[in-house]
Amino acid sequence: MKELAASILIALLPVSAAAGNYATCLLKHLPGLQNDAAANAAIRLCLNEYPGAFIGVPQGDGRGFLSYDSGAECAMKKAGETHSQRAGQMIYVACRRLYDEPVKPWIDPFDQFDKR
């Protein structure tokens, strides 16, 4: 029974976020850090593991059934006990990348009349 519950939980998680990327690496290592030196070391560790940094993280990649509703909610929970300013800023950026909705392209309604 426990195996079934674990299987269902894993199935509900976003596949790419569960697999890991630069943003999830930051959220794993940065929360709770007390100083910028430790934050810089964690950021370097994640950059070594994911050299593309945020380029390899599609906007909204962490959104799913059991995820945060927004990047702001994630940042409040993950960075709340973090004293390092640098870590807090990077947590905010990672949360926004993972949990904010992808930006929808704006279509100019007047483009249909521009038939030069």
PDB file of N, CA and C in Angstrom:
ATOM      1  N   MET A   1       0.814  -1.188   0.000  1.00  0.00           N
ATOM      2  CA  MET A   1       0.000   0.000   0.000  1.00  0.00           C
ATOM      3  C   MET A   1       0.867   1.265   0.000  1.00  0.00           C
ATOM      4  N   LYS A   2       1.956   1.247   0.791  1.00  0.00           N
ATOM      5  CA  LYS A   2       2.845   2.408   0.833  1.00  0.00           C
ATOM      6  C   LYS A   2       3.532   2.622  -0.512  1.00  0.00           C
ATOM      7  N   GLU A   3       3.857   1.516  -1.188  1.00  0.00           N
ATOM      8  CA  GLU A   3       4.494   1.628  -2.500  1.00  0.00           C
ATOM      9  C   GLU A   3       3.555   2.283  -3.503  1.00  0.00           C
ATOM     10  N   LEU A   4       2.265   1.948  -3.423  1.00  0.00           N
ATOM     11  CA  LEU A   4       1.277   2.532  -4.323  1.00  0.00           C
ATOM     12  C   LEU A   4       1.155   4.029  -4.077  1.00  0.00           C
ATOM     13  N   ALA A   5       1.091   4.437  -2.816  1.00  0.00           N
ATOM     14  CA  ALA A   5       0.991   5.856  -2.485  1.00  0.00           C
ATOM     15  C   ALA A   5       2.222   6.616  -2.969  1.00  0.00           C
ATOM     16  N   ALA A   6       3.400   6.031  -2.798  1.00  0.00           N
ATOM     17  CA  ALA A   6       4.631   6.669  -3.261  1.00  0.00           C
ATOM     18  C   ALA A   6       4.652   6.770  -4.780  1.00  0.00           C
ATOM     19  N   SER A   7       4.183   5.742  -5.461  1.00  0.00           N
ATOM     20  CA  SER A   7       4.135   5.761  -6.923  1.00  0.00           C
ATOM     21  C   SER A   7       3.201   6.837  -7.438  1.00  0.00           C
ATOM     22  N   ILE A   8       2.060   6.996  -6.792  1.00  0.00           N
ATOM     23  CA  ILE A   8       1.102   8.032  -7.194  1.00  0.00           C
ATOM     24  C   ILE A   8       1.696   9.412  -6.970  1.00  0.00           C
ATOM     25  N   LEU A   9       2.348   9.620  -5.839  1.00  0.00           N
ATOM     26  CA  LEU A   9       2.959  10.907  -5.538  1.00  0.00           C
ATOM     27  C   LEU A   9       4.023  11.264  -6.573  1.00  0.00           C
ATOM     28  N   ILE A  10       4.865  10.336  -6.919  1.00  0.00           N
ATOM     29  CA  ILE A  10       5.913  10.573  -7.914  1.00  0.00           C
ATOM     30  C   ILE A  10       5.300  10.872  -9.276  1.00  0.00           C
ATOM     31  N   ALA A  11       4.213  10.187  -9.612  1.00  0.00           N
ATOM     32  CA  ALA A  11       3.558  10.409 -10.904  1.00  0.00           C
ATOM     33  C   ALA A  11       2.960  11.807 -11.003  1.00  0.00           C
ATOM     34  N   LEU A  12       2.565  12.385  -9.877  1.00  0.00           N
ATOM     35  CA  LEU A  12       1.944  13.714  -9.880  1.00  0.00           C
ATOM     36  C   LEU A  12       2.954  14.848  -9.934  1.00  0.00           C
ATOM     37  N   LEU A  13       4.208  14.578  -9.623  1.00  0.00           N
ATOM     38  CA  LEU A  13       5.228  15.618  -9.661  1.00  0.00           C
ATOM     39  C   LEU A  13       5.593  15.946 -11.098  1.00  0.00           C
ATOM     40  N   PRO A  14       5.938  17.220 -11.371  1.00  0.00           N
ATOM     41  CA  PRO A  14       6.416  17.540 -12.717  1.00  0.00           C
ATOM     42  C   PRO A  14       7.691  16.756 -13.003  1.00  0.00           C
ATOM     43  N   VAL A  15       7.747  16.118 -14.150  1.00  0.00           N
ATOM     44  CA  VAL A  15       8.868  15.232 -14.474  1.00  0.00           C
ATOM     45  C   VAL A  15      10.184  15.982 -14.489  1.00  0.00           C
ATOM     46  N   SER A  16      10.253  17.127 -15.171  1.00  0.00           N
ATOM     47  CA  SER A  16      11.530  17.815 -15.296  1.00  0.00           C
ATOM     48  C   SER A  16      11.998  18.379 -13.963  1.00  0.00           C
ATOM     49  N   ALA A  17      11.080  18.864 -13.119  1.00  0.00           N
ATOM     50  CA  ALA A  17      11.488  19.392 -11.824  1.00  0.00           C
ATOM     51  C   ALA A  17      11.988  18.268 -10.924  1.00  0.00           C
ATOM     52  N   ALA A  18      11.357  17.088 -11.029  1.00  0.00           N
ATOM     53  CA  ALA A  18      11.796  15.952 -10.233  1.00  0.00           C
ATOM     54  C   ALA A  18      13.172  15.478 -10.702  1.00  0.00           C
ATOM     55  N   ALA A  19      13.463  15.637 -11.993  1.00  0.00           N
ATOM     56  CA  ALA A  19      14.730  15.187 -12.540  1.00  0.00           C
ATOM     57  C   ALA A  19      15.876  16.085 -12.101  1.00  0.00           C
ATOM     58  N   GLY A  20      15.610  17.341 -11.876  1.00  0.00           N
ATOM     59  CA  GLY A  20      16.624  18.267 -11.411  1.00  0.00           C
ATOM     60  C   GLY A  20      17.100  19.205 -12.496  1.00  0.00           C
ATOM     61  N   ASN A  21      17.386  20.419 -12.093  1.00  0.00           N
ATOM     62  CA  ASN A  21      17.916  21.444 -12.969  1.00  0.00           C
ATOM     63  C   ASN A  21      18.579  22.504 -12.095  1.00  0.00           C
ATOM     64  N   TYR A  22      19.053  23.553 -12.710  1.00  0.00           N
ATOM     65  CA  TYR A  22      19.766  24.601 -11.966  1.00  0.00           C
ATOM     66  C   TYR A  22      18.896  25.204 -10.868  1.00  0.00           C
ATOM     67  N   ALA A  23      17.639  25.511 -11.189  1.00  0.00           N
ATOM     68  CA  ALA A  23      16.761  26.147 -10.199  1.00  0.00           C
ATOM     69  C   ALA A  23      16.487  25.217  -9.022  1.00  0.00           C
ATOM     70  N   THR A  24      16.220  23.932  -9.281  1.00  0.00           N
ATOM     71  CA  THR A  24      15.969  23.006  -8.185  1.00  0.00           C
ATOM     72  C   THR A  24      17.228  22.778  -7.353  1.00  0.00           C
ATOM     73  N   CYS A  25      18.384  22.831  -7.998  1.00  0.00           N
ATOM     74  CA  CYS A  25      19.649  22.707  -7.271  1.00  0.00           C
ATOM     75  C   CYS A  25      19.808  23.875  -6.289  1.00  0.00           C
ATOM     76  N   LEU A  26      19.501  25.093  -6.765  1.00  0.00           N
ATOM     77  CA  LEU A  26      19.587  26.266  -5.889  1.00  0.00           C
ATOM     78  C   LEU A  26      18.627  26.130  -4.711  1.00  0.00           C
ATOM     79  N   LEU A  27      17.413  25.681  -4.986  1.00  0.00           N
ATOM     80  CA  LEU A  27      16.426  25.548  -3.916  1.00  0.00           C
ATOM     81  C   LEU A  27      16.767  24.426  -2.945  1.00  0.00           C
ATOM     82  N   LYS A  28      17.591  23.521  -3.376  1.00  0.00           N
ATOM     83  CA  LYS A  28      18.054  22.446  -2.489  1.00  0.00           C
ATOM     84  C   LYS A  28      19.149  22.956  -1.542  1.00  0.00           C
ATOM     85  N   HIS A  29      20.053  23.812  -2.056  1.00  0.00           N
ATOM     86  CA  HIS A  29      21.238  24.191  -1.291  1.00  0.00           C
ATOM     87  C   HIS A  29      21.175  25.562  -0.604  1.00  0.00           C
ATOM     88  N   LEU A  30      20.390  26.496  -1.099  1.00  0.00           N
ATOM     89  CA  LEU A  30      20.429  27.864  -0.580  1.00  0.00           C
ATOM     90  C   LEU A  30      19.585  28.149   0.663  1.00  0.00           C
ATOM     91  N   PRO A  31      18.403  27.575   0.813  1.00  0.00           N
ATOM     92  CA  PRO A  31      17.583  27.939   1.968  1.00  0.00           C
ATOM     93  C   PRO A  31      18.304  27.721   3.299  1.00  0.00           C
ATOM     94  N   GLY A  32      18.193  28.726   4.153  1.00  0.00           N
ATOM     95  CA  GLY A  32      18.776  28.644   5.489  1.00  0.00           C
ATOM     96  C   GLY A  32      20.224  29.075   5.596  1.00  0.00           C
ATOM     97  N   LEU A  33      20.874  29.422   4.477  1.00  0.00           N
ATOM     98  CA  LEU A  33      22.280  29.822   4.560  1.00  0.00           C
ATOM     99  C   LEU A  33      22.402  31.155   5.297  1.00  0.00           C
ATOM    100  N   GLN A  34      23.481  31.266   6.059  1.00  0.00           N
ATOM    101  CA  GLN A  34      23.654  32.420   6.940  1.00  0.00           C
ATOM    102  C   GLN A  34      24.516  33.526   6.361  1.00  0.00           C
ATOM    103  N   ASN A  35      25.333  33.223   5.350  1.00  0.00           N
ATOM    104  CA  ASN A  35      26.230  34.268   4.837  1.00  0.00           C
ATOM    105  C   ASN A  35      26.410  34.129   3.333  1.00  0.00           C
ATOM    106  N   ASP A  36      26.905  35.205   2.724  1.00  0.00           N
ATOM    107  CA  ASP A  36      27.056  35.251   1.274  1.00  0.00           C
ATOM    108  C   ASP A  36      28.167  34.337   0.767  1.00  0.00           C
ATOM    109  N   ALA A  37      29.181  34.085   1.592  1.00  0.00           N
ATOM    110  CA  ALA A  37      30.256  33.183   1.158  1.00  0.00           C
ATOM    111  C   ALA A  37      29.700  31.776   0.920  1.00  0.00           C
ATOM    112  N   ALA A  38      28.875  31.311   1.832  1.00  0.00           N
ATOM    113  CA  ALA A  38      28.261  29.990   1.665  1.00  0.00           C
ATOM    114  C   ALA A  38      27.310  30.002   0.471  1.00  0.00           C
ATOM    115  N   ALA A  39      26.572  31.096   0.286  1.00  0.00           N
ATOM    116  CA  ALA A  39      25.650  31.206  -0.850  1.00  0.00           C
ATOM    117  C   ALA A  39      26.420  31.149  -2.166  1.00  0.00           C
ATOM    118  N   ASN A  40      27.532  31.879  -2.250  1.00  0.00           N
ATOM    119  CA  ASN A  40      28.342  31.859  -3.475  1.00  0.00           C
ATOM    120  C   ASN A  40      28.885  30.461  -3.755  1.00  0.00           C
ATOM    121  N   ALA A  41      29.260  29.730  -2.707  1.00  0.00           N
ATOM    122  CA  ALA A  41      29.746  28.364  -2.882  1.00  0.00           C
ATOM    123  C   ALA A  41      28.625  27.460  -3.412  1.00  0.00           C
ATOM    124  N   ALA A  42      27.420  27.609  -2.892  1.00  0.00           N
ATOM    125  CA  ALA A  42      26.289  26.803  -3.357  1.00  0.00           C
ATOM    126  C   ALA A  42      25.943  27.135  -4.807  1.00  0.00           C
ATOM    127  N   ILE A  43      25.972  28.414  -5.149  1.00  0.00           N
ATOM    128  CA  ILE A  43      25.683  28.837  -6.521  1.00  0.00           C
ATOM    129  C   ILE A  43      26.725  28.252  -7.472  1.00  0.00           C
ATOM    130  N   ARG A  44      28.000  28.284  -7.087  1.00  0.00           N
ATOM    131  CA  ARG A  44      29.075  27.721  -7.903  1.00  0.00           C
ATOM    132  C   ARG A  44      28.879  26.214  -8.069  1.00  0.00           C
ATOM    133  N   LEU A  45      28.510  25.538  -6.997  1.00  0.00           N
ATOM    134  CA  LEU A  45      28.251  24.098  -7.051  1.00  0.00           C
ATOM    135  C   LEU A  45      27.153  23.797  -8.080  1.00  0.00           C
ATOM    136  N   CYS A  46      26.069  24.555  -8.045  1.00  0.00           N
ATOM    137  CA  CYS A  46      24.965  24.331  -8.994  1.00  0.00           C
ATOM    138  C   CYS A  46      25.369  24.687 -10.421  1.00  0.00           C
ATOM    139  N   LEU A  47      26.174  25.737 -10.588  1.00  0.00           N
ATOM    140  CA  LEU A  47      26.647  26.091 -11.931  1.00  0.00           C
ATOM    141  C   LEU A  47      27.558  25.012 -12.502  1.00  0.00           C
ATOM    142  N   ASN A  48      28.365  24.390 -11.649  1.00  0.00           N
ATOM    143  CA  ASN A  48      29.212  23.290 -12.114  1.00  0.00           C
ATOM    144  C   ASN A  48      28.375  22.095 -12.552  1.00  0.00           C
ATOM    145  N   GLU A  49      27.268  21.861 -11.845  1.00  0.00           N
ATOM    146  CA  GLU A  49      26.409  20.732 -12.176  1.00  0.00           C
ATOM    147  C   GLU A  49      25.505  21.030 -13.379  1.00  0.00           C
ATOM    148  N   TYR A  50      25.085  22.294 -13.497  1.00  0.00           N
ATOM    149  CA  TYR A  50      24.187  22.718 -14.588  1.00  0.00           C
ATOM    150  C   TYR A  50      24.760  23.978 -15.237  1.00  0.00           C
ATOM    151  N   PRO A  51      25.734  23.840 -16.140  1.00  0.00           N
ATOM    152  CA  PRO A  51      26.433  25.001 -16.715  1.00  0.00           C
ATOM    153  C   PRO A  51      25.538  25.979 -17.475  1.00  0.00           C
ATOM    154  N   GLY A  52      24.401  25.550 -17.951  1.00  0.00           N
ATOM    155  CA  GLY A  52      23.496  26.447 -18.676  1.00  0.00           C
ATOM    156  C   GLY A  52      22.716  27.372 -17.770  1.00  0.00           C
ATOM    157  N   ALA A  53      22.816  27.175 -16.459  1.00  0.00           N
ATOM    158  CA  ALA A  53      22.093  27.966 -15.455  1.00  0.00           C
ATOM    159  C   ALA A  53      20.601  27.985 -15.782  1.00  0.00           C
ATOM    160  N   PHE A  54      19.992  29.156 -15.785  1.00  0.00           N
ATOM    161  CA  PHE A  54      18.548  29.257 -15.991  1.00  0.00           C
ATOM    162  C   PHE A  54      18.125  29.041 -17.441  1.00  0.00           C
ATOM    163  N   ILE A  55      19.068  29.065 -18.378  1.00  0.00           N
ATOM    164  CA  ILE A  55      18.721  28.844 -19.780  1.00  0.00           C
ATOM    165  C   ILE A  55      18.088  27.464 -19.958  1.00  0.00           C
ATOM    166  N   GLY A  56      18.543  26.499 -19.184  1.00  0.00           N
ATOM    167  CA  GLY A  56      18.016  25.140 -19.292  1.00  0.00           C
ATOM    168  C   GLY A  56      16.758  24.894 -18.477  1.00  0.00           C
ATOM    169  N   VAL A  57      16.177  25.937 -17.895  1.00  0.00           N
ATOM    170  CA  VAL A  57      14.987  25.785 -17.064  1.00  0.00           C
ATOM    171  C   VAL A  57      13.819  26.528 -17.719  1.00  0.00           C
ATOM    172  N   PRO A  58      12.895  25.802 -18.338  1.00  0.00           N
ATOM    173  CA  PRO A  58      11.746  26.474 -18.945  1.00  0.00           C
ATOM    174  C   PRO A  58      10.897  27.192 -17.889  1.00  0.00           C
ATOM    175  N   GLN A  59      10.374  28.350 -18.230  1.00  0.00           N
ATOM    176  CA  GLN A  59       9.516  29.104 -17.316  1.00  0.00           C
ATOM    177  C   GLN A  59       8.319  28.250 -16.913  1.00  0.00           C
ATOM    178  N   GLY A  60       8.057  28.155 -15.606  1.00  0.00           N
ATOM    179  CA  GLY A  60       6.937  27.380 -15.101  1.00  0.00           C
ATOM    180  C   GLY A  60       7.198  25.891 -15.011  1.00  0.00           C
ATOM    181  N   ASP A  61       8.458  25.490 -15.096  1.00  0.00           N
ATOM    182  CA  ASP A  61       8.841  24.080 -15.138  1.00  0.00           C
ATOM    183  C   ASP A  61       8.444  23.294 -13.889  1.00  0.00           C
ATOM    184  N   GLY A  62       8.303  23.961 -12.759  1.00  0.00           N
ATOM    185  CA  GLY A  62       7.977  23.257 -11.524  1.00  0.00           C
ATOM    186  C   GLY A  62       6.496  23.194 -11.212  1.00  0.00           C
ATOM    187  N   ARG A  63       5.685  23.831 -12.048  1.00  0.00           N
ATOM    188  CA  ARG A  63       4.247  23.870 -11.776  1.00  0.00           C
ATOM    189  C   ARG A  63       3.647  22.474 -11.889  1.00  0.00           C
ATOM    190  N   GLY A  64       2.782  22.148 -10.959  1.00  0.00           N
ATOM    191  CA  GLY A  64       2.140  20.848 -10.967  1.00  0.00           C
ATOM    192  C   GLY A  64       1.095  20.773  -9.875  1.00  0.00           C
ATOM    193  N   PHE A  65       0.535  19.606  -9.698  1.00  0.00           N
ATOM    194  CA  PHE A  65      -0.562  19.402  -8.751  1.00  0.00           C
ATOM    195  C   PHE A  65      -0.159  19.745  -7.315  1.00  0.00           C
ATOM    196  N   LEU A  66       1.029  19.345  -6.899  1.00  0.00           N
ATOM    197  CA  LEU A  66       1.459  19.541  -5.510  1.00  0.00           C
ATOM    198  C   LEU A  66       2.524  20.624  -5.366  1.00  0.00           C
ATOM    199  N   SER A  67       2.580  21.543  -6.312  1.00  0.00           N
ATOM    200  CA  SER A  67       3.621  22.566  -6.257  1.00  0.00           C
ATOM    201  C   SER A  67       3.079  23.862  -5.665  1.00  0.00           C
ATOM    202  N   TYR A  68       3.946  24.862  -5.594  1.00  0.00           N
ATOM    203  CA  TYR A  68       3.531  26.188  -5.152  1.00  0.00           C
ATOM    204  C   TYR A  68       2.633  26.817  -6.214  1.00  0.00           C
ATOM    205  N   ASP A  69       1.770  27.727  -5.782  1.00  0.00           N
ATOM    206  CA  ASP A  69       0.880  28.424  -6.717  1.00  0.00           C
ATOM    207  C   ASP A  69       1.594  29.510  -7.505  1.00  0.00           C
ATOM    208  N   SER A  70       2.694  30.029  -6.952  1.00  0.00           N
ATOM    209  CA  SER A  70       3.423  31.109  -7.625  1.00  0.00           C
ATOM    210  C   SER A  70       4.861  31.138  -7.136  1.00  0.00           C
ATOM    211  N   GLY A  71       5.684  31.879  -7.868  1.00  0.00           N
ATOM    212  CA  GLY A  71       7.067  32.064  -7.456  1.00  0.00           C
ATOM    213  C   GLY A  71       7.168  32.828  -6.150  1.00  0.00           C
ATOM    214  N   ALA A  72       6.264  33.775  -5.943  1.00  0.00           N
ATOM    215  CA  ALA A  72       6.282  34.563  -4.708  1.00  0.00           C
ATOM    216  C   ALA A  72       6.010  33.690  -3.488  1.00  0.00           C
ATOM    217  N   GLU A  73       5.061  32.772  -3.601  1.00  0.00           N
ATOM    218  CA  GLU A  73       4.760  31.872  -2.487  1.00  0.00           C
ATOM    219  C   GLU A  73       5.962  30.992  -2.164  1.00  0.00           C
ATOM    220  N   CYS A  74       6.588  30.460  -3.196  1.00  0.00           N
ATOM    221  CA  CYS A  74       7.786  29.639  -3.017  1.00  0.00           C
ATOM    222  C   CYS A  74       8.894  30.440  -2.323  1.00  0.00           C
ATOM    223  N   ALA A  75       9.143  31.648  -2.812  1.00  0.00           N
ATOM    224  CA  ALA A  75      10.216  32.482  -2.258  1.00  0.00           C
ATOM    225  C   ALA A  75       9.966  32.810  -0.791  1.00  0.00           C
ATOM    226  N   MET A  76       8.720  33.107  -0.433  1.00  0.00           N
ATOM    227  CA  MET A  76       8.407  33.415   0.969  1.00  0.00           C
ATOM    228  C   MET A  76       8.719  32.229   1.871  1.00  0.00           C
ATOM    229  N   LYS A  77       8.372  31.032   1.415  1.00  0.00           N
ATOM    230  CA  LYS A  77       8.581  29.848   2.245  1.00  0.00           C
ATOM    231  C   LYS A  77      10.043  29.404   2.259  1.00  0.00           C
ATOM    232  N   LYS A  78      10.712  29.482   1.105  1.00  0.00           N
ATOM    233  CA  LYS A  78      12.089  28.973   1.010  1.00  0.00           C
ATOM    234  C   LYS A  78      13.120  29.963   1.562  1.00  0.00           C
ATOM    235  N   ALA A  79      12.878  31.265   1.405  1.00  0.00           N
ATOM    236  CA  ALA A  79      13.878  32.258   1.793  1.00  0.00           C
ATOM    237  C   ALA A  79      13.607  32.894   3.155  1.00  0.00           C
ATOM    238  N   GLY A  80      12.502  32.556   3.777  1.00  0.00           N
ATOM    239  CA  GLY A  80      12.107  33.197   5.031  1.00  0.00           C
ATOM    240  C   GLY A  80      13.128  33.100   6.154  1.00  0.00           C
ATOM    241  N   GLU A  81      13.821  31.994   6.260  1.00  0.00           N
ATOM    242  CA  GLU A  81      14.806  31.788   7.332  1.00  0.00           C
ATOM    243  C   GLU A  81      16.246  31.923   6.830  1.00  0.00           C
ATOM    244  N   THR A  82      16.408  32.494   5.657  1.00  0.00           N
ATOM    245  CA  THR A  82      17.732  32.627   5.045  1.00  0.00           C
ATOM    246  C   THR A  82      18.276  34.022   5.328  1.00  0.00           C
ATOM    247  N   HIS A  83      19.412  34.102   6.021  1.00  0.00           N
ATOM    248  CA  HIS A  83      19.992  35.395   6.392  1.00  0.00           C
ATOM    249  C   HIS A  83      20.866  35.989   5.291  1.00  0.00           C
ATOM    250  N   SER A  84      21.375  35.168   4.408  1.00  0.00           N
ATOM    251  CA  SER A  84      22.223  35.660   3.325  1.00  0.00           C
ATOM    252  C   SER A  84      21.362  36.381   2.288  1.00  0.00           C
ATOM    253  N   GLN A  85      21.711  37.641   2.022  1.00  0.00           N
ATOM    254  CA  GLN A  85      20.998  38.421   1.017  1.00  0.00           C
ATOM    255  C   GLN A  85      21.140  37.785  -0.363  1.00  0.00           C
ATOM    256  N   ARG A  86      22.335  37.341  -0.691  1.00  0.00           N
ATOM    257  CA  ARG A  86      22.602  36.713  -1.988  1.00  0.00           C
ATOM    258  C   ARG A  86      21.772  35.446  -2.165  1.00  0.00           C
ATOM    259  N   ALA A  87      21.732  34.615  -1.134  1.00  0.00           N
ATOM    260  CA  ALA A  87      20.938  33.380  -1.205  1.00  0.00           C
ATOM    261  C   ALA A  87      19.462  33.707  -1.368  1.00  0.00           C
ATOM    262  N   GLY A  88      18.976  34.690  -0.627  1.00  0.00           N
ATOM    263  CA  GLY A  88      17.578  35.084  -0.728  1.00  0.00           C
ATOM    264  C   GLY A  88      17.206  35.554  -2.122  1.00  0.00           C
ATOM    265  N   GLN A  89      18.080  36.335  -2.743  1.00  0.00           N
ATOM    266  CA  GLN A  89      17.814  36.816  -4.107  1.00  0.00           C
ATOM    267  C   GLN A  89      17.786  35.667  -5.108  1.00  0.00           C
ATOM    268  N   MET A  90      18.719  34.742  -4.989  1.00  0.00           N
ATOM    269  CA  MET A  90      18.767  33.617  -5.923  1.00  0.00           C
ATOM    270  C   MET A  90      17.595  32.646  -5.700  1.00  0.00           C
ATOM    271  N   ILE A  91      17.164  32.493  -4.457  1.00  0.00           N
ATOM    272  CA  ILE A  91      15.980  31.683  -4.178  1.00  0.00           C
ATOM    273  C   ILE A  91      14.773  32.311  -4.870  1.00  0.00           C
ATOM    274  N   TYR A  92      14.654  33.629  -4.768  1.00  0.00           N
ATOM    275  CA  TYR A  92      13.551  34.346  -5.403  1.00  0.00           C
ATOM    276  C   TYR A  92      13.551  34.125  -6.919  1.00  0.00           C
ATOM    277  N   VAL A  93      14.710  34.256  -7.543  1.00  0.00           N
ATOM    278  CA  VAL A  93      14.808  34.069  -8.997  1.00  0.00           C
ATOM    279  C   VAL A  93      14.474  32.627  -9.371  1.00  0.00           C
ATOM    280  N   ALA A  94      14.999  31.664  -8.631  1.00  0.00           N
ATOM    281  CA  ALA A  94      14.726  30.248  -8.925  1.00  0.00           C
ATOM    282  C   ALA A  94      13.243  29.926  -8.757  1.00  0.00           C
ATOM    283  N   CYS A  95      12.638  30.441  -7.709  1.00  0.00           N
ATOM    284  CA  CYS A  95      11.212  30.203  -7.480  1.00  0.00           C
ATOM    285  C   CYS A  95      10.369  30.813  -8.593  1.00  0.00           C
ATOM    286  N   ARG A  96      10.707  32.027  -9.010  1.00  0.00           N
ATOM    287  CA  ARG A  96       9.962  32.669 -10.099  1.00  0.00           C
ATOM    288  C   ARG A  96      10.083  31.849 -11.375  1.00  0.00           C
ATOM    289  N   ARG A  97      11.279  31.328 -11.650  1.00  0.00           N
ATOM    290  CA  ARG A  97      11.487  30.556 -12.866  1.00  0.00           C
ATOM    291  C   ARG A  97      10.681  29.253 -12.837  1.00  0.00           C
ATOM    292  N   LEU A  98      10.643  28.603 -11.680  1.00  0.00           N
ATOM    293  CA  LEU A  98       9.971  27.317 -11.579  1.00  0.00           C
ATOM    294  C   LEU A  98       8.450  27.419 -11.453  1.00  0.00           C
ATOM    295  N   TYR A  99       7.963  28.426 -10.729  1.00  0.00           N
ATOM    296  CA  TYR A  99       6.552  28.406 -10.353  1.00  0.00           C
ATOM    297  C   TYR A  99       5.686  29.523 -10.923  1.00  0.00           C
ATOM    298  N   ASP A 100       6.261  30.541 -11.527  1.00  0.00           N
ATOM    299  CA  ASP A 100       5.432  31.543 -12.193  1.00  0.00           C
ATOM    300  C   ASP A 100       4.960  30.986 -13.525  1.00  0.00           C
ATOM    301  N   GLU A 101       3.765  31.391 -13.939  1.00  0.00           N
ATOM    302  CA  GLU A 101       3.237  30.914 -15.214  1.00  0.00           C
ATOM    303  C   GLU A 101       4.090  31.423 -16.363  1.00  0.00           C
ATOM    304  N   PRO A 102       4.219  30.624 -17.408  1.00  0.00           N
ATOM    305  CA  PRO A 102       4.937  31.106 -18.592  1.00  0.00           C
ATOM    306  C   PRO A 102       4.241  32.339 -19.160  1.00  0.00           C
ATOM    307  N   VAL A 103       5.036  33.260 -19.659  1.00  0.00           N
ATOM    308  CA  VAL A 103       4.489  34.476 -20.244  1.00  0.00           C
ATOM    309  C   VAL A 103       3.869  34.131 -21.590  1.00  0.00           C
ATOM    310  N   LYS A 104       2.633  34.547 -21.751  1.00  0.00           N
ATOM    311  CA  LYS A 104       1.953  34.294 -23.020  1.00  0.00           C
ATOM    312  C   LYS A 104       2.347  35.379 -24.010  1.00  0.00           C
ATOM    313  N   PRO A 105       2.642  34.999 -25.240  1.00  0.00           N
ATOM    314  CA  PRO A 105       3.037  36.015 -26.214  1.00  0.00           C
ATOM    315  C   PRO A 105       1.874  36.970 -26.492  1.00  0.00           C
ATOM    316  N   TRP A 106       2.197  38.248 -26.570  1.00  0.00           N
ATOM    317  CA  TRP A 106       1.183  39.251 -26.850  1.00  0.00           C
ATOM    318  C   TRP A 106       1.038  39.377 -28.347  1.00  0.00           C
ATOM    319  N   ILE A 107      -0.173  39.301 -28.796  1.00  0.00           N
ATOM    320  CA  ILE A 107      -0.447  39.432 -30.218  1.00  0.00           C
ATOM    321  C   ILE A 107      -1.115  40.780 -30.437  1.00  0.00           C
ATOM    322  N   ASP A 108      -0.513  41.577 -31.271  1.00  0.00           N
ATOM    323  CA  ASP A 108      -1.056  42.892 -31.582  1.00  0.00           C
ATOM    324  C   ASP A 108      -2.273  42.714 -32.481  1.00  0.00           C
ATOM    325  N   PRO A 109      -3.465  43.138 -32.030  1.00  0.00           N
ATOM    326  CA  PRO A 109      -4.662  42.938 -32.846  1.00  0.00           C
ATOM    327  C   PRO A 109      -4.639  43.724 -34.148  1.00  0.00           C
ATOM    328  N   PHE A 110      -3.794  44.730 -34.252  1.00  0.00           N
ATOM    329  CA  PHE A 110      -3.715  45.530 -35.456  1.00  0.00           C
ATOM    330  C   PHE A 110      -2.770  44.963 -36.507  1.00  0.00           C
ATOM    331  N   ASP A 111      -2.040  43.894 -36.153  1.00  0.00           N
ATOM    332  CA  ASP A 111      -1.134  43.259 -37.123  1.00  0.00           C
ATOM    333  C   ASP A 111      -1.884  42.724 -38.334  1.00  0.00           C
ATOM    334  N   GLN A 112      -3.132  42.348 -38.154  1.00  0.00           N
ATOM    335  CA  GLN A 112      -3.898  41.800 -39.267  1.00  0.00           C
ATOM    336  C   GLN A 112      -4.166  42.854 -40.347  1.00  0.00           C
ATOM    337  N   PHE A 113      -4.057  44.139 -39.989  1.00  0.00           N
ATOM    338  CA  PHE A 113      -4.302  45.210 -40.952  1.00  0.00           C
ATOM    339  C   PHE A 113      -3.034  45.702 -41.632  1.00  0.00           C
ATOM    340  N   ASP A 114      -1.880  45.260 -41.130  1.00  0.00           N
ATOM    341  CA  ASP A 114      -0.598  45.713 -41.663  1.00  0.00           C
ATOM    342  C   ASP A 114      -0.149  44.746 -42.757  1.00  0.00           C
ATOM    343  N   LYS A 115      -0.679  44.891 -43.944  1.00  0.00           N
ATOM    344  CA  LYS A 115      -0.391  43.982 -45.067  1.00  0.00           C
ATOM    345  C   LYS A 115       0.409  44.720 -46.140  1.00  0.00           C
ATOM    346  N   ARG A 116       1.543  45.216 -45.781  1.00  0.00           N
ATOM    347  CA  ARG A 116       2.376  45.968 -46.752  1.00  0.00           C
ATOM    348  C   ARG A 116       2.975  45.089 -47.771  1.00  0.00           C
TER     349      ARG A 116
END
